């Protein structure tokens, strides 16, 4: 029996849940301050890592402004998708600057990634 990270928040601690079997690639989102966001993006670019404005890797080398904040995605070496955001999901209702993907037709939709 292993541990799976269910949700990560920079200021709220880590919530963990027990699961059966091996953990596979996952989506991990971190809520960070504006200053932390700038520092993390600087490290990503200094190391030459690829990053995207969306979890589907359709908007390379870009930062999204969803919910009135900023967000970026990159892959970790184990195949998980890492995300940093400066505003919680849904906090800027109706403020989606990055084009949304039709969740109903895409089985890997962001809405599914958000579910814990």
Protein backbone atom coordinates (compact mmCIF):
# COMPACT_ATOMS: atom_id res chain seq x y z
CA UNK A 1 0.00 0.00 0.00
CA UNK A 2 1.46 3.37 -1.01
CA UNK A 3 0.63 7.04 -0.64
CA UNK A 4 -0.84 9.18 -3.40
CA UNK A 5 -0.84 12.90 -3.27
CA UNK A 6 -4.45 13.96 -3.67
CA UNK A 7 -4.04 17.74 -3.72
CA UNK A 8 -1.10 20.02 -3.12
CA UNK A 9 -1.33 23.61 -1.95
CA UNK A 10 1.69 25.68 -1.08
CA UNK A 11 -0.03 27.26 1.92
CA UNK A 12 -2.48 24.55 2.95
CA UNK A 13 -0.23 21.57 3.50
CA UNK A 14 -0.51 18.27 1.70
CA UNK A 15 -3.56 16.05 1.70
CA UNK A 16 -2.77 12.38 1.18
CA UNK A 17 -4.91 9.33 0.72
CA UNK A 18 -4.09 5.64 0.81
CA UNK A 19 -4.59 3.68 -2.39
CA UNK A 20 -4.15 0.12 -3.57
CA UNK A 21 -1.46 -0.66 -6.11
CA UNK A 22 1.14 1.51 -7.78
CA UNK A 23 0.67 5.19 -8.41
CA UNK A 24 0.95 6.31 -12.01
CA UNK A 25 1.43 9.69 -13.65
CA UNK A 26 -0.83 12.34 -12.18
CA UNK A 27 -1.60 16.06 -12.23
CA UNK A 28 -0.25 18.06 -9.29
CA UNK A 29 -1.30 21.71 -8.90
CA UNK A 30 0.36 24.19 -6.56
CA UNK A 31 -1.22 27.47 -5.49
CA UNK A 32 1.62 30.01 -5.21
CA UNK A 33 2.04 33.75 -4.71
CA UNK A 34 2.86 36.08 -7.61
CA UNK A 35 6.48 36.34 -6.41
CA UNK A 36 6.80 32.55 -6.09
CA UNK A 37 5.32 32.15 -9.57
CA UNK A 38 7.98 34.45 -11.05
CA UNK A 39 10.75 32.56 -9.23
CA UNK A 40 9.51 29.15 -10.37
CA UNK A 41 9.05 30.20 -14.01
CA UNK A 42 12.57 31.69 -13.95
CA UNK A 43 13.95 28.32 -12.77
CA UNK A 44 11.97 26.44 -15.41
CA UNK A 45 13.34 28.65 -18.21
CA UNK A 46 16.91 28.70 -16.79
CA UNK A 47 16.93 24.89 -16.90
CA UNK A 48 15.59 24.84 -20.45
CA UNK A 49 12.46 22.90 -19.54
CA UNK A 50 9.47 22.96 -21.84
CA UNK A 51 6.32 24.53 -20.42
CA UNK A 52 2.80 25.26 -21.62
CA UNK A 53 -0.19 27.47 -20.87
CA UNK A 54 -2.45 24.40 -20.97
CA UNK A 55 -2.33 20.80 -19.74
CA UNK A 56 -2.67 19.46 -23.31
CA UNK A 57 0.66 20.96 -24.47
CA UNK A 58 -1.02 22.99 -27.21
CA UNK A 59 0.31 26.41 -26.15
CA UNK A 60 4.10 26.08 -25.72
CA UNK A 61 6.25 28.68 -23.95
CA UNK A 62 3.18 30.57 -22.76
CA UNK A 63 1.54 31.46 -19.44
CA UNK A 64 -2.24 31.39 -19.04
CA UNK A 65 -4.25 34.06 -17.25
CA UNK A 66 -7.20 31.90 -16.21
CA UNK A 67 -9.31 33.10 -13.29
CA UNK A 68 -7.55 36.49 -13.36
CA UNK A 69 -4.25 34.98 -12.22
CA UNK A 70 -1.36 33.24 -13.94
CA UNK A 71 -0.70 29.56 -14.54
CA UNK A 72 1.79 27.30 -16.26
CA UNK A 73 2.24 23.53 -16.78
CA UNK A 74 5.36 21.40 -17.21
CA UNK A 75 6.17 17.70 -17.05
CA UNK A 76 8.18 16.06 -14.32
CA UNK A 77 10.63 13.26 -15.22
CA UNK A 78 8.15 10.58 -14.03
CA UNK A 79 5.46 11.65 -16.51
CA UNK A 80 3.26 13.64 -14.15
CA UNK A 81 1.97 17.08 -15.12
CA UNK A 82 2.96 19.84 -12.71
CA UNK A 83 1.03 23.10 -12.54
CA UNK A 84 1.47 26.35 -10.66
CA UNK A 85 -1.35 28.88 -10.37
CA UNK A 86 -1.69 32.21 -8.61
CA UNK A 87 -5.48 32.08 -8.19
CA UNK A 88 -7.57 29.10 -7.05
CA UNK A 89 -9.64 27.29 -9.67
CA UNK A 90 -12.93 29.06 -10.26
CA UNK A 91 -12.00 32.16 -8.24
CA UNK A 92 -12.36 34.48 -11.23
CA UNK A 93 -15.67 33.16 -12.52
CA UNK A 94 -16.10 34.07 -16.15
CA UNK A 95 -12.51 35.32 -16.46
CA UNK A 96 -10.85 32.86 -18.78
CA UNK A 97 -8.24 34.50 -20.99
CA UNK A 98 -6.77 31.24 -22.31
CA UNK A 99 -9.12 29.55 -24.83
CA UNK A 100 -11.02 26.71 -23.18
CA UNK A 101 -11.15 23.21 -24.61
CA UNK A 102 -14.57 21.62 -25.08
CA UNK A 103 -14.57 19.24 -22.09
CA UNK A 104 -17.36 17.07 -23.48
CA UNK A 105 -15.37 15.79 -26.46
CA UNK A 106 -11.89 15.48 -24.92
CA UNK A 107 -11.38 12.53 -22.52
CA UNK A 108 -8.27 14.22 -21.06
CA UNK A 109 -10.08 17.48 -20.34
CA UNK A 110 -8.82 19.93 -17.76
CA UNK A 111 -12.04 19.48 -15.81
CA UNK A 112 -11.10 15.83 -15.29
CA UNK A 113 -7.56 16.81 -14.29
CA UNK A 114 -8.94 19.14 -11.61
CA UNK A 115 -10.88 16.41 -9.85
CA UNK A 116 -9.08 15.13 -6.79
